[in-house]
Amino acid sequence: MKKSLTIYTFLFAFLAFSFNSHASFPVKKKTEKVEVIKNNKVEKNEVTTFATVASSGKSQVTALLLSLFLGGLGVDRFYLGYTLLGVLKLITLGGFGIWYIIDLVMIITGDLQPKNGSYSKTL
């Protein structure tokens, strides 16, 4: 009973962290020169926009370590933002070991990316 309670507490913590919203940082500043015509006069203005960088803030090394040590429980999928697949992997204990090995190889090769972009730190 105590062991299952610990596992469910651990699962709840990862579910709670995977559903939180992320700020749109880091951002990339882009400045453009725009010509505006007013009353037959051409004015040149600078317009600054901020665009989000397609990085999830996740580390490939962290994903690899989580997959290596806790991949059978789906913790790597929770970390990468795939909550439903993490629950399924937890229930099947890593797809009876097969899914665990596949995810481990996919993280090493970089084929398994975070749900919200790419790794901010790679191997």
PDB file of N, CA and C in Angstrom:
ATOM      1  N   MET A   1       0.822  -1.186   0.000  1.00  0.00           N
ATOM      2  CA  MET A   1       0.000   0.000   0.000  1.00  0.00           C
ATOM      3  C   MET A   1       0.873   1.259   0.000  1.00  0.00           C
ATOM      4  N   LYS A   2       1.919   1.248   0.809  1.00  0.00           N
ATOM      5  CA  LYS A   2       2.789   2.404   0.908  1.00  0.00           C
ATOM      6  C   LYS A   2       3.551   2.629  -0.392  1.00  0.00           C
ATOM      7  N   LYS A   3       3.960   1.532  -1.039  1.00  0.00           N
ATOM      8  CA  LYS A   3       4.697   1.635  -2.294  1.00  0.00           C
ATOM      9  C   LYS A   3       3.811   2.196  -3.409  1.00  0.00           C
ATOM     10  N   SER A   4       2.573   1.736  -3.499  1.00  0.00           N
ATOM     11  CA  SER A   4       1.678   2.233  -4.540  1.00  0.00           C
ATOM     12  C   SER A   4       1.309   3.691  -4.299  1.00  0.00           C
ATOM     13  N   LEU A   5       1.189   4.073  -3.022  1.00  0.00           N
ATOM     14  CA  LEU A   5       0.901   5.472  -2.698  1.00  0.00           C
ATOM     15  C   LEU A   5       2.045   6.370  -3.138  1.00  0.00           C
ATOM     16  N   THR A   6       3.270   5.915  -2.961  1.00  0.00           N
ATOM     17  CA  THR A   6       4.441   6.673  -3.396  1.00  0.00           C
ATOM     18  C   THR A   6       4.461   6.817  -4.906  1.00  0.00           C
ATOM     19  N   ILE A   7       4.146   5.752  -5.614  1.00  0.00           N
ATOM     20  CA  ILE A   7       4.131   5.800  -7.080  1.00  0.00           C
ATOM     21  C   ILE A   7       3.048   6.748  -7.573  1.00  0.00           C
ATOM     22  N   TYR A   8       1.857   6.688  -6.969  1.00  0.00           N
ATOM     23  CA  TYR A   8       0.782   7.575  -7.399  1.00  0.00           C
ATOM     24  C   TYR A   8       1.075   9.034  -7.053  1.00  0.00           C
ATOM     25  N   THR A   9       1.752   9.293  -5.958  1.00  0.00           N
ATOM     26  CA  THR A   9       2.156  10.660  -5.615  1.00  0.00           C
ATOM     27  C   THR A   9       3.165  11.174  -6.633  1.00  0.00           C
ATOM     28  N   PHE A  10       4.103  10.331  -7.004  1.00  0.00           N
ATOM     29  CA  PHE A  10       5.105  10.686  -8.001  1.00  0.00           C
ATOM     30  C   PHE A  10       4.437  10.970  -9.355  1.00  0.00           C
ATOM     31  N   LEU A  11       3.476  10.126  -9.730  1.00  0.00           N
ATOM     32  CA  LEU A  11       2.744  10.311 -10.983  1.00  0.00           C
ATOM     33  C   LEU A  11       1.954  11.613 -10.954  1.00  0.00           C
ATOM     34  N   PHE A  12       1.283  11.899  -9.843  1.00  0.00           N
ATOM     35  CA  PHE A  12       0.509  13.127  -9.732  1.00  0.00           C
ATOM     36  C   PHE A  12       1.389  14.362  -9.872  1.00  0.00           C
ATOM     37  N   ALA A  13       2.583  14.316  -9.269  1.00  0.00           N
ATOM     38  CA  ALA A  13       3.496  15.460  -9.359  1.00  0.00           C
ATOM     39  C   ALA A  13       3.906  15.722 -10.805  1.00  0.00           C
ATOM     40  N   PHE A  14       4.209  14.676 -11.552  1.00  0.00           N
ATOM     41  CA  PHE A  14       4.586  14.879 -12.944  1.00  0.00           C
ATOM     42  C   PHE A  14       3.410  15.321 -13.797  1.00  0.00           C
ATOM     43  N   LEU A  15       2.227  14.826 -13.520  1.00  0.00           N
ATOM     44  CA  LEU A  15       1.047  15.294 -14.244  1.00  0.00           C
ATOM     45  C   LEU A  15       0.794  16.773 -13.970  1.00  0.00           C
ATOM     46  N   ALA A  16       0.942  17.183 -12.730  1.00  0.00           N
ATOM     47  CA  ALA A  16       0.707  18.580 -12.374  1.00  0.00           C
ATOM     48  C   ALA A  16       1.691  19.502 -13.072  1.00  0.00           C
ATOM     49  N   PHE A  17       2.960  19.094 -13.154  1.00  0.00           N
ATOM     50  CA  PHE A  17       3.966  19.935 -13.800  1.00  0.00           C
ATOM     51  C   PHE A  17       3.842  19.920 -15.315  1.00  0.00           C
ATOM     52  N   SER A  18       3.284  18.872 -15.890  1.00  0.00           N
ATOM     53  CA  SER A  18       3.201  18.806 -17.344  1.00  0.00           C
ATOM     54  C   SER A  18       2.047  19.631 -17.893  1.00  0.00           C
ATOM     55  N   PHE A  19       1.053  19.958 -17.059  1.00  0.00           N
ATOM     56  CA  PHE A  19      -0.087  20.734 -17.531  1.00  0.00           C
ATOM     57  C   PHE A  19       0.079  22.233 -17.339  1.00  0.00           C
ATOM     58  N   ASN A  20       1.116  22.675 -16.677  1.00  0.00           N
ATOM     59  CA  ASN A  20       1.258  24.106 -16.457  1.00  0.00           C
ATOM     60  C   ASN A  20       1.639  24.810 -17.757  1.00  0.00           C
ATOM     61  N   SER A  21       1.256  26.060 -17.846  1.00  0.00           N
ATOM     62  CA  SER A  21       1.552  26.812 -19.061  1.00  0.00           C
ATOM     63  C   SER A  21       2.958  27.390 -18.961  1.00  0.00           C
ATOM     64  N   HIS A  22       3.602  27.503 -20.087  1.00  0.00           N
ATOM     65  CA  HIS A  22       4.960  28.016 -20.131  1.00  0.00           C
ATOM     66  C   HIS A  22       4.946  29.435 -20.671  1.00  0.00           C
ATOM     67  N   ALA A  23       5.788  30.263 -20.126  1.00  0.00           N
ATOM     68  CA  ALA A  23       5.924  31.625 -20.632  1.00  0.00           C
ATOM     69  C   ALA A  23       6.572  31.575 -22.007  1.00  0.00           C
ATOM     70  N   SER A  24       6.363  32.597 -22.776  1.00  0.00           N
ATOM     71  CA  SER A  24       6.897  32.604 -24.130  1.00  0.00           C
ATOM     72  C   SER A  24       8.325  33.135 -24.158  1.00  0.00           C
ATOM     73  N   PHE A  25       9.149  32.649 -23.267  1.00  0.00           N
ATOM     74  CA  PHE A  25      10.547  33.023 -23.232  1.00  0.00           C
ATOM     75  C   PHE A  25      11.361  31.832 -23.625  1.00  0.00           C
ATOM     76  N   PRO A  26      12.448  31.905 -24.244  1.00  0.00           N
ATOM     77  CA  PRO A  26      13.100  33.113 -24.707  1.00  0.00           C
ATOM     78  C   PRO A  26      12.419  33.678 -25.948  1.00  0.00           C
ATOM     79  N   VAL A  27      12.618  34.961 -26.165  1.00  0.00           N
ATOM     80  CA  VAL A  27      12.046  35.620 -27.324  1.00  0.00           C
ATOM     81  C   VAL A  27      13.163  36.180 -28.190  1.00  0.00           C
ATOM     82  N   LYS A  28      12.838  36.369 -29.438  1.00  0.00           N
ATOM     83  CA  LYS A  28      13.799  36.920 -30.385  1.00  0.00           C
ATOM     84  C   LYS A  28      13.301  38.301 -30.810  1.00  0.00           C
ATOM     85  N   LYS A  29      14.152  39.300 -30.641  1.00  0.00           N
ATOM     86  CA  LYS A  29      13.793  40.675 -30.985  1.00  0.00           C
ATOM     87  C   LYS A  29      14.102  40.908 -32.452  1.00  0.00           C
ATOM     88  N   LYS A  30      13.116  41.459 -33.156  1.00  0.00           N
ATOM     89  CA  LYS A  30      13.284  41.730 -34.579  1.00  0.00           C
ATOM     90  C   LYS A  30      12.862  43.175 -34.842  1.00  0.00           C
ATOM     91  N   THR A  31      13.767  43.961 -35.427  1.00  0.00           N
ATOM     92  CA  THR A  31      13.494  45.359 -35.745  1.00  0.00           C
ATOM     93  C   THR A  31      13.443  45.528 -37.254  1.00  0.00           C
ATOM     94  N   GLU A  32      12.354  46.139 -37.727  1.00  0.00           N
ATOM     95  CA  GLU A  32      12.175  46.375 -39.162  1.00  0.00           C
ATOM     96  C   GLU A  32      11.946  47.857 -39.414  1.00  0.00           C
ATOM     97  N   LYS A  33      12.389  48.310 -40.573  1.00  0.00           N
ATOM     98  CA  LYS A  33      12.116  49.685 -40.983  1.00  0.00           C
ATOM     99  C   LYS A  33      10.899  49.665 -41.896  1.00  0.00           C
ATOM    100  N   VAL A  34       9.927  50.502 -41.539  1.00  0.00           N
ATOM    101  CA  VAL A  34       8.668  50.552 -42.268  1.00  0.00           C
ATOM    102  C   VAL A  34       8.455  51.962 -42.794  1.00  0.00           C
ATOM    103  N   GLU A  35       8.020  52.044 -44.039  1.00  0.00           N
ATOM    104  CA  GLU A  35       7.706  53.349 -44.630  1.00  0.00           C
ATOM    105  C   GLU A  35       6.201  53.578 -44.540  1.00  0.00           C
ATOM    106  N   VAL A  36       5.834  54.738 -43.965  1.00  0.00           N
ATOM    107  CA  VAL A  36       4.432  55.089 -43.799  1.00  0.00           C
ATOM    108  C   VAL A  36       4.181  56.367 -44.589  1.00  0.00           C
ATOM    109  N   ILE A  37       3.124  56.354 -45.379  1.00  0.00           N
ATOM    110  CA  ILE A  37       2.776  57.542 -46.177  1.00  0.00           C
ATOM    111  C   ILE A  37       1.641  58.266 -45.476  1.00  0.00           C
ATOM    112  N   LYS A  38       1.913  59.527 -45.088  1.00  0.00           N
ATOM    113  CA  LYS A  38       0.902  60.373 -44.456  1.00  0.00           C
ATOM    114  C   LYS A  38       0.906  61.726 -45.158  1.00  0.00           C
ATOM    115  N   ASN A  39      -0.242  62.130 -45.635  1.00  0.00           N
ATOM    116  CA  ASN A  39      -0.409  63.434 -46.301  1.00  0.00           C
ATOM    117  C   ASN A  39       0.654  63.643 -47.377  1.00  0.00           C
ATOM    118  N   ASN A  40       0.835  62.662 -48.226  1.00  0.00           N
ATOM    119  CA  ASN A  40       1.795  62.695 -49.322  1.00  0.00           C
ATOM    120  C   ASN A  40       3.244  62.845 -48.860  1.00  0.00           C
ATOM    121  N   LYS A  41       3.527  62.470 -47.641  1.00  0.00           N
ATOM    122  CA  LYS A  41       4.885  62.480 -47.120  1.00  0.00           C
ATOM    123  C   LYS A  41       5.243  61.060 -46.682  1.00  0.00           C
ATOM    124  N   VAL A  42       6.467  60.677 -46.959  1.00  0.00           N
ATOM    125  CA  VAL A  42       6.936  59.347 -46.595  1.00  0.00           C
ATOM    126  C   VAL A  42       7.737  59.441 -45.303  1.00  0.00           C
ATOM    127  N   GLU A  43       7.269  58.725 -44.304  1.00  0.00           N
ATOM    128  CA  GLU A  43       7.973  58.688 -43.027  1.00  0.00           C
ATOM    129  C   GLU A  43       8.562  57.291 -42.840  1.00  0.00           C
ATOM    130  N   LYS A  44       9.772  57.248 -42.334  1.00  0.00           N
ATOM    131  CA  LYS A  44      10.403  55.964 -42.055  1.00  0.00           C
ATOM    132  C   LYS A  44      10.389  55.732 -40.545  1.00  0.00           C
ATOM    133  N   ASN A  45       9.774  54.637 -40.160  1.00  0.00           N
ATOM    134  CA  ASN A  45       9.687  54.284 -38.748  1.00  0.00           C
ATOM    135  C   ASN A  45      10.319  52.908 -38.515  1.00  0.00           C
ATOM    136  N   GLU A  46      10.795  52.719 -37.301  1.00  0.00           N
ATOM    137  CA  GLU A  46      11.299  51.409 -36.921  1.00  0.00           C
ATOM    138  C   GLU A  46      10.261  50.717 -36.054  1.00  0.00           C
ATOM    139  N   VAL A  47       9.947  49.488 -36.416  1.00  0.00           N
ATOM    140  CA  VAL A  47       8.975  48.698 -35.674  1.00  0.00           C
ATOM    141  C   VAL A  47       9.700  47.507 -35.063  1.00  0.00           C
ATOM    142  N   THR A  48       9.520  47.333 -33.782  1.00  0.00           N
ATOM    143  CA  THR A  48      10.152  46.217 -33.078  1.00  0.00           C
ATOM    144  C   THR A  48       9.086  45.183 -32.728  1.00  0.00           C
ATOM    145  N   THR A  49       9.348  43.935 -33.095  1.00  0.00           N
ATOM    146  CA  THR A  49       8.450  42.841 -32.747  1.00  0.00           C
ATOM    147  C   THR A  49       9.240  41.780 -31.980  1.00  0.00           C
ATOM    148  N   PHE A  50       8.531  41.029 -31.208  1.00  0.00           N
ATOM    149  CA  PHE A  50       9.138  39.954 -30.442  1.00  0.00           C
ATOM    150  C   PHE A  50       8.461  38.647 -30.822  1.00  0.00           C
ATOM    151  N   ALA A  51       9.250  37.686 -31.241  1.00  0.00           N
ATOM    152  CA  ALA A  51       8.727  36.378 -31.621  1.00  0.00           C
ATOM    153  C   ALA A  51       9.307  35.321 -30.693  1.00  0.00           C
ATOM    154  N   THR A  52       8.490  34.337 -30.385  1.00  0.00           N
ATOM    155  CA  THR A  52       8.980  33.281 -29.509  1.00  0.00           C
ATOM    156  C   THR A  52       9.924  32.360 -30.266  1.00  0.00           C
ATOM    157  N   VAL A  53      10.912  31.875 -29.575  1.00  0.00           N
ATOM    158  CA  VAL A  53      11.860  30.933 -30.144  1.00  0.00           C
ATOM    159  C   VAL A  53      11.274  29.540 -29.960  1.00  0.00           C
ATOM    160  N   ALA A  54      11.392  28.689 -30.970  1.00  0.00           N
ATOM    161  CA  ALA A  54      10.803  27.355 -30.926  1.00  0.00           C
ATOM    162  C   ALA A  54      11.656  26.403 -30.092  1.00  0.00           C
ATOM    163  N   SER A  55      11.811  26.748 -28.843  1.00  0.00           N
ATOM    164  CA  SER A  55      12.568  25.903 -27.929  1.00  0.00           C
ATOM    165  C   SER A  55      11.697  25.645 -26.713  1.00  0.00           C
ATOM    166  N   SER A  56      11.679  24.421 -26.260  1.00  0.00           N
ATOM    167  CA  SER A  56      10.792  24.070 -25.163  1.00  0.00           C
ATOM    168  C   SER A  56      11.438  24.268 -23.798  1.00  0.00           C
ATOM    169  N   GLY A  57      12.742  24.504 -23.749  1.00  0.00           N
ATOM    170  CA  GLY A  57      13.429  24.629 -22.488  1.00  0.00           C
ATOM    171  C   GLY A  57      13.771  23.289 -21.875  1.00  0.00           C
ATOM    172  N   LYS A  58      13.599  22.232 -22.622  1.00  0.00           N
ATOM    173  CA  LYS A  58      13.887  20.873 -22.147  1.00  0.00           C
ATOM    174  C   LYS A  58      15.286  20.460 -22.580  1.00  0.00           C
ATOM    175  N   SER A  59      15.922  19.682 -21.750  1.00  0.00           N
ATOM    176  CA  SER A  59      17.263  19.207 -22.035  1.00  0.00           C
ATOM    177  C   SER A  59      17.219  17.762 -22.512  1.00  0.00           C
ATOM    178  N   GLN A  60      17.974  17.463 -23.551  1.00  0.00           N
ATOM    179  CA  GLN A  60      18.043  16.104 -24.075  1.00  0.00           C
ATOM    180  C   GLN A  60      18.764  15.191 -23.081  1.00  0.00           C
ATOM    181  N   VAL A  61      19.727  15.727 -22.370  1.00  0.00           N
ATOM    182  CA  VAL A  61      20.457  14.941 -21.365  1.00  0.00           C
ATOM    183  C   VAL A  61      19.511  14.531 -20.233  1.00  0.00           C
ATOM    184  N   THR A  62      18.684  15.464 -19.776  1.00  0.00           N
ATOM    185  CA  THR A  62      17.715  15.159 -18.724  1.00  0.00           C
ATOM    186  C   THR A  62      16.715  14.120 -19.205  1.00  0.00           C
ATOM    187  N   ALA A  63      16.232  14.287 -20.438  1.00  0.00           N
ATOM    188  CA  ALA A  63      15.293  13.314 -20.997  1.00  0.00           C
ATOM    189  C   ALA A  63      15.937  11.933 -21.089  1.00  0.00           C
ATOM    190  N   LEU A  64      17.206  11.890 -21.465  1.00  0.00           N
ATOM    191  CA  LEU A  64      17.908  10.616 -21.574  1.00  0.00           C
ATOM    192  C   LEU A  64      18.067   9.954 -20.206  1.00  0.00           C
ATOM    193  N   LEU A  65      18.443  10.723 -19.199  1.00  0.00           N
ATOM    194  CA  LEU A  65      18.606  10.163 -17.861  1.00  0.00           C
ATOM    195  C   LEU A  65      17.269   9.691 -17.280  1.00  0.00           C
ATOM    196  N   LEU A  66      16.218  10.474 -17.498  1.00  0.00           N
ATOM    197  CA  LEU A  66      14.900  10.048 -17.038  1.00  0.00           C
ATOM    198  C   LEU A  66      14.446   8.788 -17.756  1.00  0.00           C
ATOM    199  N   SER A  67      14.728   8.714 -19.046  1.00  0.00           N
ATOM    200  CA  SER A  67      14.351   7.529 -19.809  1.00  0.00           C
ATOM    201  C   SER A  67      15.138   6.313 -19.369  1.00  0.00           C
ATOM    202  N   LEU A  68      16.401   6.498 -19.067  1.00  0.00           N
ATOM    203  CA  LEU A  68      17.262   5.389 -18.668  1.00  0.00           C
ATOM    204  C   LEU A  68      16.844   4.810 -17.318  1.00  0.00           C
ATOM    205  N   PHE A  69      16.596   5.692 -16.342  1.00  0.00           N
ATOM    206  CA  PHE A  69      16.322   5.219 -14.992  1.00  0.00           C
ATOM    207  C   PHE A  69      14.832   5.052 -14.679  1.00  0.00           C
ATOM    208  N   LEU A  70      13.966   5.886 -15.263  1.00  0.00           N
ATOM    209  CA  LEU A  70      12.535   5.838 -14.945  1.00  0.00           C
ATOM    210  C   LEU A  70      11.661   5.694 -16.179  1.00  0.00           C
ATOM    211  N   GLY A  71      12.258   5.272 -17.287  1.00  0.00           N
ATOM    212  CA  GLY A  71      11.513   5.151 -18.536  1.00  0.00           C
ATOM    213  C   GLY A  71      10.425   4.109 -18.503  1.00  0.00           C
ATOM    214  N   GLY A  72      10.595   3.079 -17.717  1.00  0.00           N
ATOM    215  CA  GLY A  72       9.569   2.052 -17.602  1.00  0.00           C
ATOM    216  C   GLY A  72       8.304   2.560 -16.944  1.00  0.00           C
ATOM    217  N   LEU A  73       8.407   3.670 -16.213  1.00  0.00           N
ATOM    218  CA  LEU A  73       7.246   4.277 -15.569  1.00  0.00           C
ATOM    219  C   LEU A  73       6.676   5.435 -16.380  1.00  0.00           C
ATOM    220  N   GLY A  74       7.267   5.739 -17.528  1.00  0.00           N
ATOM    221  CA  GLY A  74       6.755   6.790 -18.396  1.00  0.00           C
ATOM    222  C   GLY A  74       7.176   8.185 -18.011  1.00  0.00           C
ATOM    223  N   VAL A  75       8.110   8.318 -17.088  1.00  0.00           N
ATOM    224  CA  VAL A  75       8.522   9.634 -16.605  1.00  0.00           C
ATOM    225  C   VAL A  75       9.138  10.460 -17.729  1.00  0.00           C
ATOM    226  N   ASP A  76       9.838   9.820 -18.661  1.00  0.00           N
ATOM    227  CA  ASP A  76      10.419  10.550 -19.785  1.00  0.00           C
ATOM    228  C   ASP A  76       9.342  11.181 -20.656  1.00  0.00           C
ATOM    229  N   ARG A  77       8.241  10.475 -20.871  1.00  0.00           N
ATOM    230  CA  ARG A  77       7.138  11.028 -21.667  1.00  0.00           C
ATOM    231  C   ARG A  77       6.459  12.180 -20.946  1.00  0.00           C
ATOM    232  N   PHE A  78       6.324  12.067 -19.617  1.00  0.00           N
ATOM    233  CA  PHE A  78       5.764  13.186 -18.857  1.00  0.00           C
ATOM    234  C   PHE A  78       6.653  14.417 -18.988  1.00  0.00           C
ATOM    235  N   TYR A  79       7.953  14.233 -18.887  1.00  0.00           N
ATOM    236  CA  TYR A  79       8.906  15.340 -18.973  1.00  0.00           C
ATOM    237  C   TYR A  79       8.842  16.021 -20.340  1.00  0.00           C
ATOM    238  N   LEU A  80       8.683  15.238 -21.396  1.00  0.00           N
ATOM    239  CA  LEU A  80       8.658  15.810 -22.743  1.00  0.00           C
ATOM    240  C   LEU A  80       7.296  16.387 -23.121  1.00  0.00           C
ATOM    241  N   GLY A  81       6.297  16.239 -22.252  1.00  0.00           N
ATOM    242  CA  GLY A  81       4.996  16.858 -22.497  1.00  0.00           C
ATOM    243  C   GLY A  81       3.948  15.934 -23.065  1.00  0.00           C
ATOM    244  N   TYR A  82       4.243  14.667 -23.201  1.00  0.00           N
ATOM    245  CA  TYR A  82       3.288  13.691 -23.721  1.00  0.00           C
ATOM    246  C   TYR A  82       2.617  12.980 -22.546  1.00  0.00           C
ATOM    247  N   THR A  83       1.674  13.652 -21.896  1.00  0.00           N
ATOM    248  CA  THR A  83       1.075  13.161 -20.669  1.00  0.00           C
ATOM    249  C   THR A  83       0.274  11.878 -20.879  1.00  0.00           C
ATOM    250  N   LEU A  84      -0.562  11.850 -21.883  1.00  0.00           N
ATOM    251  CA  LEU A  84      -1.395  10.668 -22.120  1.00  0.00           C
ATOM    252  C   LEU A  84      -0.532   9.443 -22.441  1.00  0.00           C
ATOM    253  N   LEU A  85       0.490   9.630 -23.251  1.00  0.00           N
ATOM    254  CA  LEU A  85       1.388   8.514 -23.557  1.00  0.00           C
ATOM    255  C   LEU A  85       2.192   8.106 -22.318  1.00  0.00           C
ATOM    256  N   GLY A  86       2.486   9.062 -21.449  1.00  0.00           N
ATOM    257  CA  GLY A  86       3.172   8.740 -20.201  1.00  0.00           C
ATOM    258  C   GLY A  86       2.329   7.868 -19.296  1.00  0.00           C
ATOM    259  N   VAL A  87       1.038   8.174 -19.219  1.00  0.00           N
ATOM    260  CA  VAL A  87       0.119   7.360 -18.420  1.00  0.00           C
ATOM    261  C   VAL A  87       0.012   5.958 -19.018  1.00  0.00           C
ATOM    262  N   LEU A  88      -0.107   5.873 -20.325  1.00  0.00           N
ATOM    263  CA  LEU A  88      -0.195   4.576 -20.992  1.00  0.00           C
ATOM    264  C   LEU A  88       1.085   3.764 -20.790  1.00  0.00           C
ATOM    265  N   LYS A  89       2.212   4.437 -20.848  1.00  0.00           N
ATOM    266  CA  LYS A  89       3.492   3.764 -20.638  1.00  0.00           C
ATOM    267  C   LYS A  89       3.628   3.308 -19.188  1.00  0.00           C
ATOM    268  N   LEU A  90       3.081   4.085 -18.249  1.00  0.00           N
ATOM    269  CA  LEU A  90       3.107   3.711 -16.841  1.00  0.00           C
ATOM    270  C   LEU A  90       2.245   2.475 -16.603  1.00  0.00           C
ATOM    271  N   ILE A  91       1.064   2.465 -17.186  1.00  0.00           N
ATOM    272  CA  ILE A  91       0.149   1.333 -16.991  1.00  0.00           C
ATOM    273  C   ILE A  91       0.734   0.046 -17.562  1.00  0.00           C
ATOM    274  N   THR A  92       1.395   0.130 -18.708  1.00  0.00           N
ATOM    275  CA  THR A  92       1.947  -1.071 -19.348  1.00  0.00           C
ATOM    276  C   THR A  92       3.382  -1.363 -18.925  1.00  0.00           C
ATOM    277  N   LEU A  93       3.888  -0.575 -17.950  1.00  0.00           N
ATOM    278  CA  LEU A  93       5.278  -0.705 -17.485  1.00  0.00           C
ATOM    279  C   LEU A  93       6.275  -0.644 -18.637  1.00  0.00           C
ATOM    280  N   GLY A  94       6.173   0.425 -19.383  1.00  0.00           N
ATOM    281  CA  GLY A  94       7.109   0.650 -20.490  1.00  0.00           C
ATOM    282  C   GLY A  94       6.821  -0.224 -21.683  1.00  0.00           C
ATOM    283  N   GLY A  95       5.537  -0.529 -21.903  1.00  0.00           N
ATOM    284  CA  GLY A  95       5.180  -1.387 -23.035  1.00  0.00           C
ATOM    285  C   GLY A  95       5.846  -2.748 -22.917  1.00  0.00           C
ATOM    286  N   PHE A  96       5.842  -3.266 -21.661  1.00  0.00           N
ATOM    287  CA  PHE A  96       6.477  -4.556 -21.355  1.00  0.00           C
ATOM    288  C   PHE A  96       7.961  -4.560 -21.720  1.00  0.00           C
ATOM    289  N   GLY A  97       8.590  -3.396 -21.619  1.00  0.00           N
ATOM    290  CA  GLY A  97      10.027  -3.277 -21.853  1.00  0.00           C
ATOM    291  C   GLY A  97      10.399  -2.890 -23.274  1.00  0.00           C
ATOM    292  N   ILE A  98       9.503  -3.119 -24.212  1.00  0.00           N
ATOM    293  CA  ILE A  98       9.804  -2.823 -25.622  1.00  0.00           C
ATOM    294  C   ILE A  98       9.744  -1.319 -25.869  1.00  0.00           C
ATOM    295  N   TRP A  99       8.682  -0.685 -25.399  1.00  0.00           N
ATOM    296  CA  TRP A  99       8.509   0.756 -25.573  1.00  0.00           C
ATOM    297  C   TRP A  99       9.629   1.512 -24.857  1.00  0.00           C
ATOM    298  N   TYR A 100      10.062   0.973 -23.722  1.00  0.00           N
ATOM    299  CA  TYR A 100      11.161   1.570 -22.959  1.00  0.00           C
ATOM    300  C   TYR A 100      12.433   1.654 -23.809  1.00  0.00           C
ATOM    301  N   ILE A 101      12.771   0.576 -24.481  1.00  0.00           N
ATOM    302  CA  ILE A 101      13.986   0.542 -25.314  1.00  0.00           C
ATOM    303  C   ILE A 101      13.841   1.445 -26.533  1.00  0.00           C
ATOM    304  N   ILE A 102      12.663   1.435 -27.149  1.00  0.00           N
ATOM    305  CA  ILE A 102      12.422   2.278 -28.334  1.00  0.00           C
ATOM    306  C   ILE A 102      12.569   3.755 -27.973  1.00  0.00           C
ATOM    307  N   ASP A 103      11.962   4.176 -26.854  1.00  0.00           N
ATOM    308  CA  ASP A 103      12.066   5.577 -26.429  1.00  0.00           C
ATOM    309  C   ASP A 103      13.499   5.947 -26.086  1.00  0.00           C
ATOM    310  N   LEU A 104      14.223   5.034 -25.464  1.00  0.00           N
ATOM    311  CA  LEU A 104      15.621   5.291 -25.122  1.00  0.00           C
ATOM    312  C   LEU A 104      16.448   5.565 -26.373  1.00  0.00           C
ATOM    313  N   VAL A 105      16.266   4.744 -27.399  1.00  0.00           N
ATOM    314  CA  VAL A 105      16.994   4.930 -28.661  1.00  0.00           C
ATOM    315  C   VAL A 105      16.557   6.213 -29.356  1.00  0.00           C
ATOM    316  N   MET A 106      15.244   6.498 -29.340  1.00  0.00           N
ATOM    317  CA  MET A 106      14.740   7.706 -30.006  1.00  0.00           C
ATOM    318  C   MET A 106      15.247   8.980 -29.338  1.00  0.00           C
ATOM    319  N   ILE A 107      15.405   8.971 -28.020  1.00  0.00           N
ATOM    320  CA  ILE A 107      15.932  10.148 -27.324  1.00  0.00           C
ATOM    321  C   ILE A 107      17.416  10.324 -27.632  1.00  0.00           C
ATOM    322  N   ILE A 108      18.161   9.225 -27.672  1.00  0.00           N
ATOM    323  CA  ILE A 108      19.594   9.311 -27.990  1.00  0.00           C
ATOM    324  C   ILE A 108      19.809   9.866 -29.389  1.00  0.00           C
ATOM    325  N   THR A 109      19.007   9.402 -30.365  1.00  0.00           N
ATOM    326  CA  THR A 109      19.171   9.864 -31.746  1.00  0.00           C
ATOM    327  C   THR A 109      18.542  11.231 -31.988  1.00  0.00           C
ATOM    328  N   GLY A 110      17.716  11.716 -31.050  1.00  0.00           N
ATOM    329  CA  GLY A 110      17.081  13.017 -31.210  1.00  0.00           C
ATOM    330  C   GLY A 110      15.781  12.966 -31.981  1.00  0.00           C
ATOM    331  N   ASP A 111      15.261  11.761 -32.245  1.00  0.00           N
ATOM    332  CA  ASP A 111      13.995  11.638 -32.967  1.00  0.00           C
ATOM    333  C   ASP A 111      12.784  11.932 -32.090  1.00  0.00           C
ATOM    334  N   LEU A 112      12.891  11.737 -30.793  1.00  0.00           N
ATOM    335  CA  LEU A 112      11.803  12.036 -29.867  1.00  0.00           C
ATOM    336  C   LEU A 112      12.041  13.417 -29.284  1.00  0.00           C
ATOM    337  N   GLN A 113      11.329  14.400 -29.800  1.00  0.00           N
ATOM    338  CA  GLN A 113      11.467  15.796 -29.393  1.00  0.00           C
ATOM    339  C   GLN A 113      10.381  16.160 -28.385  1.00  0.00           C
ATOM    340  N   PRO A 114      10.577  17.229 -27.612  1.00  0.00           N
ATOM    341  CA  PRO A 114       9.513  17.703 -26.725  1.00  0.00           C
ATOM    342  C   PRO A 114       8.282  18.131 -27.518  1.00  0.00           C
ATOM    343  N   LYS A 115       7.144  18.068 -26.882  1.00  0.00           N
ATOM    344  CA  LYS A 115       5.886  18.373 -27.552  1.00  0.00           C
ATOM    345  C   LYS A 115       5.814  19.832 -28.013  1.00  0.00           C
ATOM    346  N   ASN A 116       6.394  20.742 -27.261  1.00  0.00           N
ATOM    347  CA  ASN A 116       6.291  22.169 -27.565  1.00  0.00           C
ATOM    348  C   ASN A 116       7.548  22.744 -28.191  1.00  0.00           C
ATOM    349  N   GLY A 117       8.126  22.070 -29.149  1.00  0.00           N
ATOM    350  CA  GLY A 117       9.313  22.606 -29.814  1.00  0.00           C
ATOM    351  C   GLY A 117      10.455  21.622 -29.834  1.00  0.00           C
ATOM    352  N   SER A 118      11.643  22.151 -29.703  1.00  0.00           N
ATOM    353  CA  SER A 118      12.825  21.294 -29.745  1.00  0.00           C
ATOM    354  C   SER A 118      13.605  21.433 -28.443  1.00  0.00           C
ATOM    355  N   TYR A 119      14.644  20.632 -28.289  1.00  0.00           N
ATOM    356  CA  TYR A 119      15.473  20.686 -27.097  1.00  0.00           C
ATOM    357  C   TYR A 119      16.246  21.999 -27.056  1.00  0.00           C
ATOM    358  N   SER A 120      16.343  22.589 -25.869  1.00  0.00           N
ATOM    359  CA  SER A 120      17.176  23.776 -25.736  1.00  0.00           C
ATOM    360  C   SER A 120      18.633  23.387 -25.517  1.00  0.00           C
ATOM    361  N   LYS A 121      18.851  22.192 -24.939  1.00  0.00           N
ATOM    362  CA  LYS A 121      20.205  21.662 -24.757  1.00  0.00           C
ATOM    363  C   LYS A 121      20.225  20.250 -25.305  1.00  0.00           C
ATOM    364  N   THR A 122      21.188  19.985 -26.203  1.00  0.00           N
ATOM    365  CA  THR A 122      21.287  18.664 -26.801  1.00  0.00           C
ATOM    366  C   THR A 122      22.540  17.954 -26.321  1.00  0.00           C
ATOM    367  N   LEU A 123      22.661  16.694 -26.697  1.00  0.00           N
ATOM    368  CA  LEU A 123      23.827  15.889 -26.300  1.00  0.00           C
ATOM    369  C   LEU A 123      25.094  16.427 -26.897  1.00  0.00           C
TER     370      LEU A 123
END
